[in-house]
Amino acid sequence: MAKTFPQLITSTFLMIIFFTFLHTSTSETPQHYFSQNLSPEEVGIFKQETLSHLHFYFHDIVSGPNPTAIQVARAPTTNMSSTGFGAVAMIDDPLTVGPESSSKLVGRAQGLYAAASQSEACLLMVMDFVFMEGKYNGSTLSVLGRNAVFSDERDGHCWGSGVFRFARGYAQAKTHTFNIKTGDAIVEYNVYVYHS
């Protein structure tokens, strides 16, 4: 029995090492099924990046018979909040060359914003700038960011599709006009984006 016990220990130890090695070698393979490294040329990026500056005006109309932004949700406490905390609006706002509503339409801002602060007028903005004019027609820039409404300038991160595929940059918002009675606003946007 003295000789069989050490043999049993040795056999068990060798089996543990074997199965550990087997498990380690087979468990690493599935991790690589969902990703691979590519060259930029394989996905259609053949030229160097360009930095573009886009300038336009965003018309957020919440009043009147044809609003472009409507409230779609609110928290039970939203009416008691001085900041409207918990209110969510869906938007389809025109983007124009100038601040006048009659100015040339270059696209639409489609998405939503939500009152996200209990202490100040601050929105979480999640929207796509959908362009309908010139070389950007059919392309989009998606914007995500915090918008402190009464700050002089606000920034959001952006990325895109179409001409703006693989883009990265930021959108800088500045209030042009805000009607405190109606809630309507015109916001000037300067967007800086790298794209190929």
Protein backbone atom coordinates (compact mmCIF):
# COMPACT_ATOMS: atom_id res chain seq x y z
CA MET A 1 0.00 0.00 0.00
CA ALA A 2 2.93 2.31 0.65
CA LYS A 3 3.95 2.10 -2.99
CA THR A 4 0.43 2.61 -4.43
CA PHE A 5 -0.37 5.77 -2.47
CA PRO A 6 2.59 7.75 -3.93
CA GLN A 7 1.69 6.40 -7.39
CA LEU A 8 -1.91 7.58 -6.88
CA ILE A 9 -0.71 11.03 -5.80
CA THR A 10 1.63 11.22 -8.80
CA SER A 11 -1.08 10.08 -11.22
CA THR A 12 -3.61 12.54 -9.77
CA PHE A 13 -1.09 15.37 -9.95
CA LEU A 14 -0.26 14.56 -13.58
CA MET A 15 -3.96 14.40 -14.50
CA ILE A 16 -4.58 17.80 -12.87
CA ILE A 17 -1.69 19.31 -14.82
CA PHE A 18 -2.92 17.71 -18.06
CA PHE A 19 -6.53 18.91 -17.69
CA THR A 20 -5.41 22.36 -16.57
CA PHE A 21 -3.24 22.64 -19.67
CA LEU A 22 -6.05 21.31 -21.87
CA HIS A 23 -8.59 23.75 -20.40
CA THR A 24 -6.21 26.70 -20.69
CA SER A 25 -5.36 25.98 -24.31
CA THR A 26 -9.00 25.58 -25.40
CA SER A 27 -10.55 28.37 -23.32
CA GLU A 28 -8.47 31.16 -24.88
CA THR A 29 -9.63 30.53 -28.45
CA PRO A 30 -13.28 31.72 -28.13
CA GLN A 31 -12.16 35.13 -26.85
CA HIS A 32 -10.90 36.03 -30.32
CA TYR A 33 -13.97 35.04 -32.33
CA PHE A 34 -15.61 38.46 -32.04
CA SER A 35 -12.67 40.70 -32.94
CA GLN A 36 -9.72 41.04 -35.26
CA ASN A 37 -7.17 43.66 -36.21
CA LEU A 38 -7.68 45.36 -39.58
CA SER A 39 -5.79 47.85 -41.65
CA PRO A 40 -7.62 51.11 -42.46
CA GLU A 41 -7.62 50.16 -46.16
CA GLU A 42 -9.68 47.03 -45.42
CA VAL A 43 -12.61 49.19 -44.28
CA GLY A 44 -12.33 51.86 -46.96
CA ILE A 45 -10.08 54.45 -45.31
CA PHE A 46 -7.56 55.37 -47.99
CA LYS A 47 -6.79 58.99 -47.32
CA GLN A 48 -5.54 61.12 -44.51
CA GLU A 49 -8.01 62.69 -42.09
CA THR A 50 -9.52 66.11 -42.66
CA LEU A 51 -10.60 68.53 -39.95
CA SER A 52 -13.95 70.08 -40.93
CA HIS A 53 -15.74 72.99 -39.28
CA LEU A 54 -19.53 73.07 -39.67
CA HIS A 55 -21.52 76.12 -38.59
CA PHE A 56 -25.32 76.20 -38.37
CA TYR A 57 -28.29 77.17 -36.19
CA PHE A 58 -30.54 74.77 -34.29
CA HIS A 59 -34.20 75.87 -33.94
CA ASP A 60 -35.87 74.28 -30.90
CA ILE A 61 -39.57 75.18 -31.08
CA VAL A 62 -41.70 73.96 -28.15
CA SER A 63 -44.64 76.37 -28.58
CA GLY A 64 -47.30 77.00 -31.20
CA PRO A 65 -49.21 74.67 -33.51
CA ASN A 66 -46.11 73.01 -35.06
CA PRO A 67 -43.56 72.33 -32.31
CA THR A 68 -40.31 70.61 -33.29
CA ALA A 69 -39.68 69.42 -29.72
CA ILE A 70 -42.34 67.72 -27.60
CA GLN A 71 -42.28 66.36 -24.09
CA VAL A 72 -42.70 62.57 -24.15
CA ALA A 73 -42.07 61.69 -20.48
CA ARG A 74 -41.86 63.25 -17.04
CA ALA A 75 -41.25 62.09 -13.50
CA PRO A 76 -44.00 62.42 -10.86
CA THR A 77 -41.89 65.16 -9.23
CA THR A 78 -41.04 67.12 -12.41
CA ASN A 79 -43.69 69.82 -11.79
CA MET A 80 -42.25 70.46 -8.31
CA SER A 81 -38.69 70.82 -9.62
CA SER A 82 -37.33 74.30 -10.40
CA THR A 83 -35.18 72.73 -13.14
CA GLY A 84 -37.79 70.41 -14.67
CA PHE A 85 -35.73 67.44 -13.50
CA GLY A 86 -37.01 64.23 -15.09
CA ALA A 87 -38.67 65.74 -18.18
CA VAL A 88 -37.76 64.11 -21.51
CA ALA A 89 -38.38 65.68 -24.94
CA MET A 90 -38.15 64.16 -28.42
CA ILE A 91 -36.84 66.53 -31.11
CA ASP A 92 -36.87 66.97 -34.87
CA ASP A 93 -35.38 70.48 -35.00
CA PRO A 94 -34.39 72.29 -38.20
CA LEU A 95 -30.73 73.17 -38.77
CA THR A 96 -30.26 76.30 -40.86
CA VAL A 97 -27.40 78.39 -42.27
CA GLY A 98 -28.52 81.52 -40.40
CA PRO A 99 -30.49 82.25 -37.22
CA GLU A 100 -33.67 83.24 -39.09
CA SER A 101 -36.33 80.53 -39.46
CA SER A 102 -36.49 81.41 -43.18
CA SER A 103 -32.76 80.70 -43.61
CA LYS A 104 -31.63 77.82 -45.85
CA LEU A 105 -32.33 74.40 -44.29
CA VAL A 106 -29.19 72.20 -44.22
CA GLY A 107 -30.40 69.38 -41.97
CA ARG A 108 -32.34 68.33 -38.89
CA ALA A 109 -31.42 67.51 -35.30
CA GLN A 110 -33.25 64.31 -34.37
CA GLY A 111 -33.09 62.71 -30.95
CA LEU A 112 -33.94 63.62 -27.41
CA TYR A 113 -32.94 65.70 -24.44
CA ALA A 114 -33.72 65.25 -20.79
CA ALA A 115 -33.59 67.58 -17.79
CA ALA A 116 -30.77 65.87 -15.90
CA SER A 117 -29.96 68.16 -12.97
CA GLN A 118 -31.82 68.94 -9.76
CA SER A 119 -29.80 72.11 -9.11
CA GLU A 120 -29.49 73.90 -12.49
CA ALA A 121 -31.07 74.03 -15.94
CA CYS A 122 -29.00 71.26 -17.49
CA LEU A 123 -29.89 68.81 -20.24
CA LEU A 124 -28.52 65.48 -21.34
CA MET A 125 -28.45 65.78 -25.15
CA VAL A 126 -28.56 62.66 -27.36
CA MET A 127 -29.15 63.54 -31.01
CA ASP A 128 -28.15 63.07 -34.62
CA PHE A 129 -27.46 65.98 -36.93
CA VAL A 130 -28.91 64.60 -40.18
CA PHE A 131 -27.54 66.61 -43.09
CA MET A 132 -29.61 67.17 -46.24
CA GLU A 133 -27.42 69.50 -48.26
CA GLY A 134 -24.26 69.44 -50.39
CA LYS A 135 -21.48 66.91 -49.92
CA TYR A 136 -22.82 65.98 -46.47
CA ASN A 137 -26.30 65.01 -47.78
CA GLY A 138 -27.32 61.73 -46.12
CA SER A 139 -24.50 61.84 -43.58
CA THR A 140 -25.00 62.18 -39.84
CA LEU A 141 -23.11 63.37 -36.82
CA SER A 142 -24.23 61.90 -33.51
CA VAL A 143 -23.84 64.14 -30.47
CA LEU A 144 -23.83 63.18 -26.82
CA GLY A 145 -23.19 65.60 -24.00
CA ARG A 146 -24.19 67.72 -21.06
CA ASN A 147 -25.83 71.02 -21.94
CA ALA A 148 -25.88 73.55 -19.09
CA VAL A 149 -28.51 75.78 -20.70
CA PHE A 150 -27.40 79.12 -19.24
CA SER A 151 -23.65 78.59 -19.74
CA ASP A 152 -22.04 80.70 -22.44
CA GLU A 153 -20.76 77.69 -24.38
CA ARG A 154 -21.40 73.96 -24.07
CA ASP A 155 -19.57 71.03 -25.68
CA GLY A 156 -20.69 67.59 -26.75
CA HIS A 157 -18.79 64.63 -28.20
CA CYS A 158 -19.55 63.59 -31.77
CA TRP A 159 -18.99 60.76 -34.22
CA GLY A 160 -20.76 59.95 -37.47
CA SER A 161 -21.88 58.02 -40.52
CA GLY A 162 -21.71 58.48 -44.28
CA VAL A 163 -19.02 61.06 -45.08
CA PHE A 164 -18.41 61.19 -41.33
CA ARG A 165 -17.82 57.45 -40.85
CA PHE A 166 -15.00 56.99 -38.30
CA ALA A 167 -15.32 60.68 -37.39
CA ARG A 168 -14.51 62.10 -33.99
CA GLY A 169 -14.84 65.61 -32.68
CA TYR A 170 -16.96 67.96 -30.67
CA ALA A 171 -19.98 70.19 -31.09
CA GLN A 172 -19.92 73.58 -29.39
CA ALA A 173 -23.32 75.13 -28.62
CA LYS A 174 -24.01 78.78 -27.83
CA THR A 175 -27.50 80.18 -27.22
CA HIS A 176 -28.38 82.75 -29.88
CA THR A 177 -31.87 83.56 -28.54
CA PHE A 178 -34.08 82.08 -25.83
CA ASN A 179 -37.70 83.12 -25.24
CA ILE A 180 -38.34 82.66 -21.53
CA LYS A 181 -42.15 82.82 -22.03
CA THR A 182 -42.46 80.17 -24.76
CA GLY A 183 -39.30 78.13 -24.16
CA ASP A 184 -38.36 78.43 -27.85
CA ALA A 185 -34.63 78.68 -28.52
CA ILE A 186 -32.21 79.21 -31.36
CA VAL A 187 -28.77 77.76 -30.68
CA GLU A 188 -25.64 78.43 -32.71
CA TYR A 189 -23.51 75.34 -33.31
CA ASN A 190 -19.85 75.16 -34.28
CA VAL A 191 -18.88 71.55 -34.93
CA TYR A 192 -15.25 70.49 -35.35
CA VAL A 193 -14.77 66.96 -36.62
CA TYR A 194 -11.91 64.84 -37.94
CA HIS A 195 -12.99 62.45 -40.70
CA SER A 196 -11.48 60.60 -43.67
